[in-house]
N, C-alpha and C. Protein backbone atom coordinates (compact mmCIF):
# COMPACT_ATOMS: atom_id res chain seq x y z
N MET A 1 102.03 152.43 72.34
CA MET A 1 102.12 150.90 72.41
C MET A 1 103.83 150.52 73.01
N ARG A 2 104.63 151.33 72.78
CA ARG A 2 105.40 150.69 73.89
C ARG A 2 105.69 149.94 75.05
N ARG A 3 105.37 151.67 75.67
CA ARG A 3 104.30 151.94 77.31
C ARG A 3 103.65 150.00 77.33
N LEU A 4 102.64 149.55 76.53
CA LEU A 4 102.21 148.78 76.92
C LEU A 4 102.09 147.28 76.83
N ALA A 5 103.36 147.18 75.47
CA ALA A 5 104.49 145.79 76.04
C ALA A 5 105.44 145.61 76.93
N ILE A 6 105.91 147.12 77.67
CA ILE A 6 106.65 146.91 79.18
C ILE A 6 106.01 147.24 79.89
N MET A 7 104.61 147.00 79.76
CA MET A 7 103.59 146.23 80.97
C MET A 7 103.56 145.52 81.12
N ILE A 8 102.85 145.41 79.89
CA ILE A 8 102.98 143.20 79.90
C ILE A 8 103.68 141.99 80.29
N ALA A 9 105.57 142.90 79.78
CA ALA A 9 106.35 142.52 80.06
C ALA A 9 107.18 142.02 81.54
N LEU A 10 106.58 143.03 82.47
CA LEU A 10 106.72 143.37 83.73
C LEU A 10 105.27 142.46 84.21
N SER A 11 104.24 142.15 83.90
CA SER A 11 103.39 141.34 84.23
C SER A 11 103.57 139.61 84.38
N THR A 12 104.07 140.22 83.05
CA THR A 12 104.79 138.56 82.82
C THR A 12 105.76 137.61 83.85
N CYS A 13 106.94 138.58 83.58
CA CYS A 13 107.63 139.01 85.35
C CYS A 13 107.26 139.11 86.64
N LEU A 14 106.49 139.50 86.63
CA LEU A 14 105.42 139.33 88.04
C LEU A 14 104.62 138.11 88.21
N THR A 15 103.92 137.41 87.40
CA THR A 15 102.94 136.22 87.39
C THR A 15 104.30 135.05 87.42
N ALA A 16 105.48 135.13 86.73
CA ALA A 16 106.26 134.45 87.11
C ALA A 16 107.19 134.36 88.69
N LEU A 17 107.57 134.88 88.60
CA LEU A 17 108.21 134.94 90.02
C LEU A 17 107.06 134.67 90.77
N ASP A 18 106.03 134.88 90.62
CA ASP A 18 104.58 134.55 91.87
C ASP A 18 105.02 133.01 92.20
N SER A 19 104.85 132.69 91.03
CA SER A 19 104.73 130.93 90.69
C SER A 19 106.26 130.50 91.30
N VAL A 20 107.40 131.11 91.15
CA VAL A 20 108.59 130.51 91.80
C VAL A 20 108.74 131.34 92.75
N ALA A 21 107.53 131.57 93.75
CA ALA A 21 107.64 131.67 95.31
C ALA A 21 106.66 130.55 95.55
N ALA A 22 105.36 130.27 94.84
CA ALA A 22 104.69 129.74 95.39
C ALA A 22 105.60 127.86 95.37
N VAL A 23 106.05 128.29 95.03
CA VAL A 23 107.11 126.54 94.83
C VAL A 23 107.71 126.88 96.22
N LEU A 24 109.12 128.35 96.01
CA LEU A 24 109.66 127.82 97.79
C LEU A 24 108.66 128.21 98.60
N SER A 25 108.01 128.44 98.78
CA SER A 25 106.54 128.58 99.80
C SER A 25 105.69 126.68 100.32
N MET A 26 105.98 126.19 98.89
CA MET A 26 105.65 124.61 99.52
C MET A 26 107.03 123.52 99.41
N GLU A 27 108.16 124.27 99.15
CA GLU A 27 108.88 123.73 99.65
C GLU A 27 109.57 123.37 101.34
N GLU A 28 109.01 125.00 102.20
CA GLU A 28 109.07 125.57 103.27
C GLU A 28 108.49 125.07 104.01
N ILE A 29 107.00 124.69 103.47
CA ILE A 29 106.16 124.29 104.46
C ILE A 29 106.22 122.53 104.48
N ALA A 30 106.61 122.20 103.03
CA ALA A 30 107.10 120.31 103.06
C ALA A 30 108.33 120.03 104.28
N CYS A 31 109.39 120.55 104.28
CA CYS A 31 110.67 120.54 104.81
C CYS A 31 110.89 120.85 105.96
N ARG A 32 109.31 121.79 107.02
CA ARG A 32 108.89 122.53 108.05
C ARG A 32 109.66 121.08 108.85
N ASP A 33 109.38 120.24 109.13
CA ASP A 33 110.21 119.66 110.44
C ASP A 33 110.83 118.13 110.05
N VAL A 34 111.53 118.71 108.92
CA VAL A 34 112.31 117.90 107.90
C VAL A 34 113.56 117.83 108.75
N PRO A 35 114.65 117.35 109.40
CA PRO A 35 115.88 118.08 109.03
C PRO A 35 116.80 117.65 108.13
N GLU A 36 117.55 118.67 107.91
CA GLU A 36 118.15 119.58 107.10
C GLU A 36 119.77 118.27 106.45
N GLY A 37 119.79 117.04 107.29
CA GLY A 37 120.23 115.69 107.04
C GLY A 37 119.82 114.69 106.11
N GLN A 38 117.82 114.97 106.74
CA GLN A 38 117.02 113.89 106.43
C GLN A 38 116.58 114.28 104.44
N ARG A 39 117.22 115.74 104.29
CA ARG A 39 115.55 116.19 102.84
C ARG A 39 116.57 115.26 102.25
N ASP A 40 117.32 114.79 101.31
CA ASP A 40 117.85 114.06 100.03
C ASP A 40 117.03 112.65 99.95
N ALA A 41 115.90 112.52 101.12
CA ALA A 41 115.32 111.34 101.11
C ALA A 41 116.29 109.84 101.19
N GLU A 42 117.76 110.02 101.33
CA GLU A 42 118.41 108.66 101.85
C GLU A 42 118.04 107.33 102.56
N ILE A 43 117.16 108.09 103.14
CA ILE A 43 117.16 106.67 103.98
C ILE A 43 115.85 106.10 103.69
N LEU A 44 114.70 106.45 101.96
CA LEU A 44 113.77 105.76 101.58
C LEU A 44 114.59 104.93 100.62
N THR A 45 116.23 104.80 100.37
CA THR A 45 116.44 104.46 99.54
C THR A 45 118.11 103.75 99.77
N ASN A 46 117.77 103.78 100.55
CA ASN A 46 119.26 103.19 101.32
C ASN A 46 119.81 101.39 100.68
N PRO A 47 120.70 101.25 100.56
CA PRO A 47 120.53 99.79 99.66
C PRO A 47 120.67 99.22 101.22
N GLU A 48 120.75 99.17 101.85
CA GLU A 48 121.07 98.21 103.52
C GLU A 48 119.85 98.12 104.35
N SER A 49 118.67 98.91 103.69
CA SER A 49 117.36 98.99 104.25
C SER A 49 116.52 98.55 103.36
N ILE A 50 116.96 98.31 102.20
CA ILE A 50 116.25 98.04 101.18
C ILE A 50 115.88 95.74 101.55
N ARG A 51 115.02 95.40 101.19
CA ARG A 51 114.43 94.07 101.01
C ARG A 51 114.25 93.44 100.08
N SER A 52 113.85 94.35 99.55
CA SER A 52 113.08 94.37 97.96
C SER A 52 112.64 94.84 97.27
N VAL A 53 112.50 95.34 95.92
CA VAL A 53 111.96 95.95 95.05
C VAL A 53 110.29 94.73 93.99
N ALA A 54 109.72 95.84 93.65
CA ALA A 54 108.55 95.15 92.49
C ALA A 54 108.39 96.05 92.25
N GLU A 55 107.77 96.04 90.29
CA GLU A 55 106.69 96.54 89.84
C GLU A 55 105.56 97.47 90.88
N ILE A 56 105.16 97.55 89.65
CA ILE A 56 103.77 98.55 90.56
C ILE A 56 103.64 98.47 88.89
N LYS A 57 102.30 97.59 88.59
CA LYS A 57 101.30 97.64 87.55
C LYS A 57 99.93 98.60 87.59
N ARG A 58 99.56 99.41 86.30
CA ARG A 58 98.53 99.45 86.48
C ARG A 58 97.13 98.42 86.74
N GLU A 59 96.21 99.21 87.36
CA GLU A 59 94.94 98.75 87.20
C GLU A 59 94.31 98.62 86.54
N HIS A 60 93.71 97.64 86.24
CA HIS A 60 92.80 96.26 85.04
C HIS A 60 91.93 98.17 84.18
N ASP A 61 91.14 98.88 85.36
CA ASP A 61 90.27 99.46 84.60
C ASP A 61 90.98 100.87 83.64
N THR A 62 92.11 101.01 84.08
CA THR A 62 93.25 102.07 83.91
C THR A 62 94.09 101.18 82.21
N GLY A 63 94.20 100.21 82.36
CA GLY A 63 94.81 99.69 80.73
C GLY A 63 96.30 99.14 81.51
N ALA A 64 96.20 98.28 80.32
CA ALA A 64 98.15 97.35 81.31
C ALA A 64 99.07 98.11 81.18
N GLY A 65 100.22 98.12 81.91
CA GLY A 65 101.36 98.80 82.07
C GLY A 65 101.90 98.92 83.05
N LEU A 66 102.96 99.76 82.99
CA LEU A 66 103.58 99.58 84.49
C LEU A 66 104.00 101.17 85.17
N ARG A 67 103.57 101.01 86.17
CA ARG A 67 103.51 102.24 86.68
C ARG A 67 104.63 103.10 87.81
N GLY A 68 105.32 102.34 88.63
CA GLY A 68 106.84 101.49 88.89
C GLY A 68 107.58 101.32 89.40
N ALA A 69 108.12 101.61 90.87
CA ALA A 69 108.39 100.42 92.11
C ALA A 69 108.01 100.85 93.24
N ARG A 70 107.77 99.28 93.64
CA ARG A 70 107.41 99.06 95.32
C ARG A 70 108.24 98.72 95.77
N ILE A 71 109.48 99.64 97.23
CA ILE A 71 110.86 99.71 97.45
C ILE A 71 110.24 99.26 99.34
N ALA A 72 110.55 97.94 99.68
CA ALA A 72 110.16 97.97 100.88
C ALA A 72 111.47 97.60 102.16
N LEU A 73 110.96 98.41 102.79
CA LEU A 73 112.57 98.84 104.02
C LEU A 73 111.66 98.16 104.94
N THR A 74 113.21 97.40 105.88
CA THR A 74 113.38 97.14 107.08
C THR A 74 113.03 98.50 107.83
N ALA A 75 111.82 98.20 108.71
CA ALA A 75 112.08 99.30 109.95
C ALA A 75 112.68 99.57 110.88
N ALA A 76 113.26 100.28 111.28
CA ALA A 76 114.05 100.48 111.92
C ALA A 76 113.77 101.99 113.22
N PRO A 77 114.07 101.48 114.53
CA PRO A 77 113.54 101.81 115.86
C PRO A 77 113.75 103.30 115.06
N GLY A 78 112.71 103.48 115.41
CA GLY A 78 111.96 105.62 115.90
C GLY A 78 111.01 105.93 114.43
N MET A 79 111.26 104.78 113.30
CA MET A 79 110.89 105.65 111.86
C MET A 79 108.96 105.16 112.52
N THR A 80 108.33 105.98 111.03
CA THR A 80 107.13 105.95 111.26
C THR A 80 106.55 106.48 109.29
N VAL A 81 105.45 105.72 108.99
CA VAL A 81 104.63 106.40 108.19
C VAL A 81 104.53 107.60 107.90
N GLU A 82 104.40 109.17 108.79
CA GLU A 82 104.36 109.70 108.90
C GLU A 82 105.60 110.39 108.73
N GLY A 83 106.59 110.32 109.15
CA GLY A 83 107.93 110.92 109.54
C GLY A 83 108.43 110.64 107.96
N LEU A 84 108.49 109.14 107.39
CA LEU A 84 109.11 109.29 106.52
C LEU A 84 108.60 109.64 105.11
N GLN A 85 107.30 109.82 104.67
CA GLN A 85 106.34 110.30 104.55
C GLN A 85 107.20 111.99 103.88
N ARG A 86 107.06 112.58 105.09
CA ARG A 86 107.62 113.95 105.76
C ARG A 86 108.53 114.36 104.80
N ILE A 87 109.20 112.96 104.77
CA ILE A 87 110.77 113.14 104.56
C ILE A 87 111.24 113.20 102.98
N ALA A 88 109.85 112.27 102.43
CA ALA A 88 109.93 112.30 100.99
C ALA A 88 108.59 113.35 100.15
N ASP A 89 107.85 113.86 100.89
CA ASP A 89 106.75 115.39 100.33
C ASP A 89 107.64 116.21 100.94
N CYS A 90 109.21 116.61 101.54
CA CYS A 90 110.34 117.36 101.18
C CYS A 90 110.83 117.63 100.59
N HIS A 91 111.52 115.99 100.47
CA HIS A 91 112.84 115.84 99.33
C HIS A 91 111.71 116.48 97.77
N MET A 92 110.87 116.11 97.12
CA MET A 92 110.13 115.86 96.14
C MET A 92 109.87 117.75 96.15
N ALA A 93 109.92 118.88 97.44
CA ALA A 93 109.14 119.39 96.91
C ALA A 93 110.40 120.31 96.73
N GLU A 94 112.05 119.89 97.68
CA GLU A 94 112.56 120.69 96.74
C GLU A 94 113.37 120.14 95.54
N LEU A 95 113.17 118.62 94.65
CA LEU A 95 112.95 118.88 93.48
C LEU A 95 112.11 119.73 92.49
N ALA A 96 110.80 119.79 92.76
CA ALA A 96 109.81 120.47 92.79
C ALA A 96 110.16 122.27 92.44
N ALA A 97 110.89 122.28 93.55
CA ALA A 97 111.81 124.07 93.61
C ALA A 97 112.28 124.08 92.14
N LEU A 98 113.84 122.89 92.15
CA LEU A 98 114.93 123.06 90.94
C LEU A 98 114.26 123.59 90.16
N GLY A 99 112.96 123.21 89.54
CA GLY A 99 112.45 122.78 88.19
C GLY A 99 113.52 121.99 87.40
N SER A 100 113.06 122.34 86.21
CA SER A 100 114.05 121.21 85.81
C SER A 100 115.91 121.00 85.51
N ALA A 101 115.99 121.54 86.38
CA ALA A 101 117.73 121.64 86.51
C ALA A 101 117.57 119.85 86.11
N PRO A 102 118.82 119.98 85.67
CA PRO A 102 119.15 118.42 85.63
C PRO A 102 119.97 117.80 86.84
N ARG A 103 119.17 116.80 87.88
CA ARG A 103 119.95 115.63 88.63
C ARG A 103 121.00 115.16 88.12
N ALA A 104 122.37 115.10 89.59
CA ALA A 104 123.25 114.15 88.65
C ALA A 104 122.77 112.83 89.92
N THR A 105 122.10 112.18 89.80
CA THR A 105 121.57 111.50 90.95
C THR A 105 120.57 110.15 90.59
N ARG A 106 121.02 109.15 90.71
CA ARG A 106 120.65 107.69 90.37
C ARG A 106 119.25 107.41 91.12
N SER A 107 118.66 108.00 92.06
CA SER A 107 117.60 107.63 93.14
C SER A 107 116.29 107.22 91.81
N PRO A 108 115.69 106.72 92.37
CA PRO A 108 114.05 106.72 91.88
C PRO A 108 113.15 107.65 91.90
N LEU A 109 113.62 108.09 93.08
CA LEU A 109 112.94 109.40 93.85
C LEU A 109 112.82 110.97 92.79
N ASP A 110 114.42 110.75 92.34
CA ASP A 110 114.38 111.78 91.48
C ASP A 110 114.00 112.18 90.24
N VAL A 111 113.18 111.22 89.33
CA VAL A 111 112.64 111.37 88.00
C VAL A 111 111.32 111.70 87.99
N THR A 112 111.76 112.72 86.70
CA THR A 112 110.60 114.22 86.98
C THR A 112 109.67 113.44 86.81
N GLY A 113 108.04 114.09 87.77
CA GLY A 113 107.39 113.99 87.50
C GLY A 113 106.85 112.38 88.49
N ALA A 114 108.14 111.59 89.75
CA ALA A 114 107.56 110.77 90.79
C ALA A 114 106.47 111.47 91.47
N SER A 115 106.05 110.64 91.58
CA SER A 115 104.82 110.23 93.67
C SER A 115 105.55 109.17 93.90
N VAL A 116 105.56 110.03 95.61
CA VAL A 116 105.91 109.21 96.23
C VAL A 116 104.96 108.62 97.76
N THR A 117 104.51 107.80 97.74
CA THR A 117 103.75 107.00 98.98
C THR A 117 104.13 106.06 99.27
N VAL A 118 104.12 105.82 101.36
CA VAL A 118 104.97 105.39 102.23
C VAL A 118 103.25 104.51 102.59
N LYS A 119 104.37 103.49 102.89
CA LYS A 119 102.51 102.94 103.57
C LYS A 119 103.08 102.34 104.63
N SER A 120 102.26 101.37 106.03
CA SER A 120 103.18 100.08 106.49
C SER A 120 103.21 99.58 105.94
N ALA A 121 104.07 98.15 105.88
CA ALA A 121 103.57 96.70 105.72
C ALA A 121 104.13 95.67 106.93
N GLY A 122 103.54 96.10 108.22
CA GLY A 122 104.03 94.94 109.12
C GLY A 122 105.65 95.41 109.82
N ALA A 123 106.30 94.23 109.62
CA ALA A 123 107.92 94.97 109.98
C ALA A 123 108.90 95.99 109.10
N THR A 124 107.95 96.12 107.76
CA THR A 124 108.38 97.14 106.46
C THR A 124 107.69 97.79 106.68
N PHE A 125 107.93 99.20 105.36
CA PHE A 125 107.78 100.07 104.91
C PHE A 125 107.77 99.75 103.20
N THR A 126 106.53 100.44 102.72
CA THR A 126 106.85 100.07 101.03
C THR A 126 106.83 101.73 100.93
N VAL A 127 107.39 101.42 99.87
CA VAL A 127 107.84 103.35 99.13
C VAL A 127 107.30 103.69 97.75
N ASP A 128 106.03 103.24 97.70
CA ASP A 128 105.70 103.34 95.88
C ASP A 128 106.29 104.37 95.25
N VAL A 129 106.91 104.11 94.44
CA VAL A 129 106.80 105.40 93.41
C VAL A 129 107.12 105.10 91.97
N THR A 130 105.87 106.48 91.79
CA THR A 130 105.08 106.17 90.49
C THR A 130 105.41 106.66 89.65
N SER A 131 104.92 106.74 88.56
CA SER A 131 104.32 108.15 87.34
C SER A 131 103.19 107.59 86.32
N PRO A 132 102.24 108.21 86.04
CA PRO A 132 101.59 108.17 85.05
C PRO A 132 101.51 108.05 83.46
N ASP A 133 103.54 108.19 83.74
CA ASP A 133 104.07 107.96 81.92
C ASP A 133 104.99 106.56 81.99
N PRO A 134 104.51 106.01 81.00
CA PRO A 134 104.95 104.12 80.75
C PRO A 134 106.62 104.71 81.20
N SER A 135 107.79 105.55 80.01
CA SER A 135 109.06 105.88 80.39
C SER A 135 109.39 106.15 82.14
N LYS A 136 109.24 106.69 81.90
CA LYS A 136 109.40 107.45 83.42
C LYS A 136 109.43 105.91 84.62
N ALA A 137 108.18 105.59 84.13
CA ALA A 137 108.11 104.16 85.02
C ALA A 137 108.70 103.35 85.06
N HIS A 138 109.42 103.06 83.51
CA HIS A 138 110.56 102.23 83.78
C HIS A 138 112.02 102.28 84.60
N THR A 139 112.16 104.25 84.21
CA THR A 139 113.50 104.55 84.77
C THR A 139 113.40 104.34 86.11
N ILE A 140 111.69 104.64 87.36
CA ILE A 140 111.98 104.52 87.93
C ILE A 140 111.92 102.96 88.61
N LEU A 141 111.87 102.16 87.75
CA LEU A 141 111.94 100.82 88.53
C LEU A 141 113.06 100.37 87.61
N VAL A 142 113.87 100.35 86.93
CA VAL A 142 115.22 100.27 86.81
C VAL A 142 116.18 100.88 87.74
N ARG A 143 115.95 101.71 88.12
CA ARG A 143 117.17 102.72 89.63
C ARG A 143 116.29 102.25 90.61
N ALA A 144 115.23 101.62 91.28
CA ALA A 144 114.43 101.49 92.25
C ALA A 144 115.43 100.01 92.69
N ARG A 145 115.94 98.98 91.47
CA ARG A 145 116.59 98.28 91.12
C ARG A 145 118.39 97.11 91.04
N ALA A 146 118.34 98.84 90.61
CA ALA A 146 119.68 99.31 90.57
C ALA A 146 120.58 99.25 92.82
N LEU A 147 119.51 99.58 93.12
CA LEU A 147 119.68 100.08 94.32
C LEU A 147 119.60 98.98 95.32
N LEU A 148 119.06 97.76 94.76
CA LEU A 148 119.58 96.22 95.72
C LEU A 148 120.78 95.72 95.24
N PRO A 149 121.08 95.36 97.06
CA PRO A 149 122.49 94.60 96.77
C PRO A 149 122.27 92.50 96.06
N HIS A 150 123.16 92.48 94.78
CA HIS A 150 122.75 91.48 94.38
C HIS A 150 122.04 89.78 94.89
N ARG A 151 121.61 90.46 96.01
CA ARG A 151 120.92 89.45 96.46
C ARG A 151 119.47 88.93 96.57
N ALA A 152 118.61 90.09 96.12
CA ALA A 152 117.35 90.37 95.65
C ALA A 152 115.73 90.58 95.23
N HIS A 153 117.11 90.87 94.19
CA HIS A 153 116.37 91.37 92.41
C HIS A 153 114.51 90.32 92.50
N LYS A 154 113.79 90.97 92.52
CA LYS A 154 112.46 90.68 93.13
C LYS A 154 111.75 91.17 91.37
N HIS A 155 111.00 90.68 90.65
CA HIS A 155 110.78 90.82 89.08
C HIS A 155 109.00 90.49 89.09
C-alpha cells in the first residue's frame, strides 16, 4: 500500500514537471525572435507612444459589458504588426511561465488571464487587451487609462 502511495506521488510530481516544461517550452518558442530588451512589452504601453485608450465592449450576441481596452499607438519606423504581436506573445508566455506569482507592475498586459491582439490602423497600431472576466476587464481599462498623459482620456 505504501509503495502504491509513493508511485502515485511520483506520478503526480512527474505530471507537474511535464506541465512546467510545456509552459517553459511555449515561452522559449514565443520569445525566440524577440530581443531580451523588448520582452517586457514596454513598447506596447509606452505613454509617449499612446494616442488614445478606448473601452472594448462585448458583442451584442454575447451580452453587454466591458471586455477590456484598446490602446492606440503612434507607429514608429520599423514597427510592424507581426513584430509587435511577437513581443506581446512573448510577454504573455513569460507571464504564463511565472504562474500565479504576484506581479509588481501596473501594466494592463499583466492582468492575469488577459489576451493581447495587435492590429494595424493606418498610421497607428491598436493593442487590444481583453479578458472574459468583467472585473479583470475593468482592471485592464483602468490600468490602460492610467498610462495616458492627462491630455487624451477617451471614454
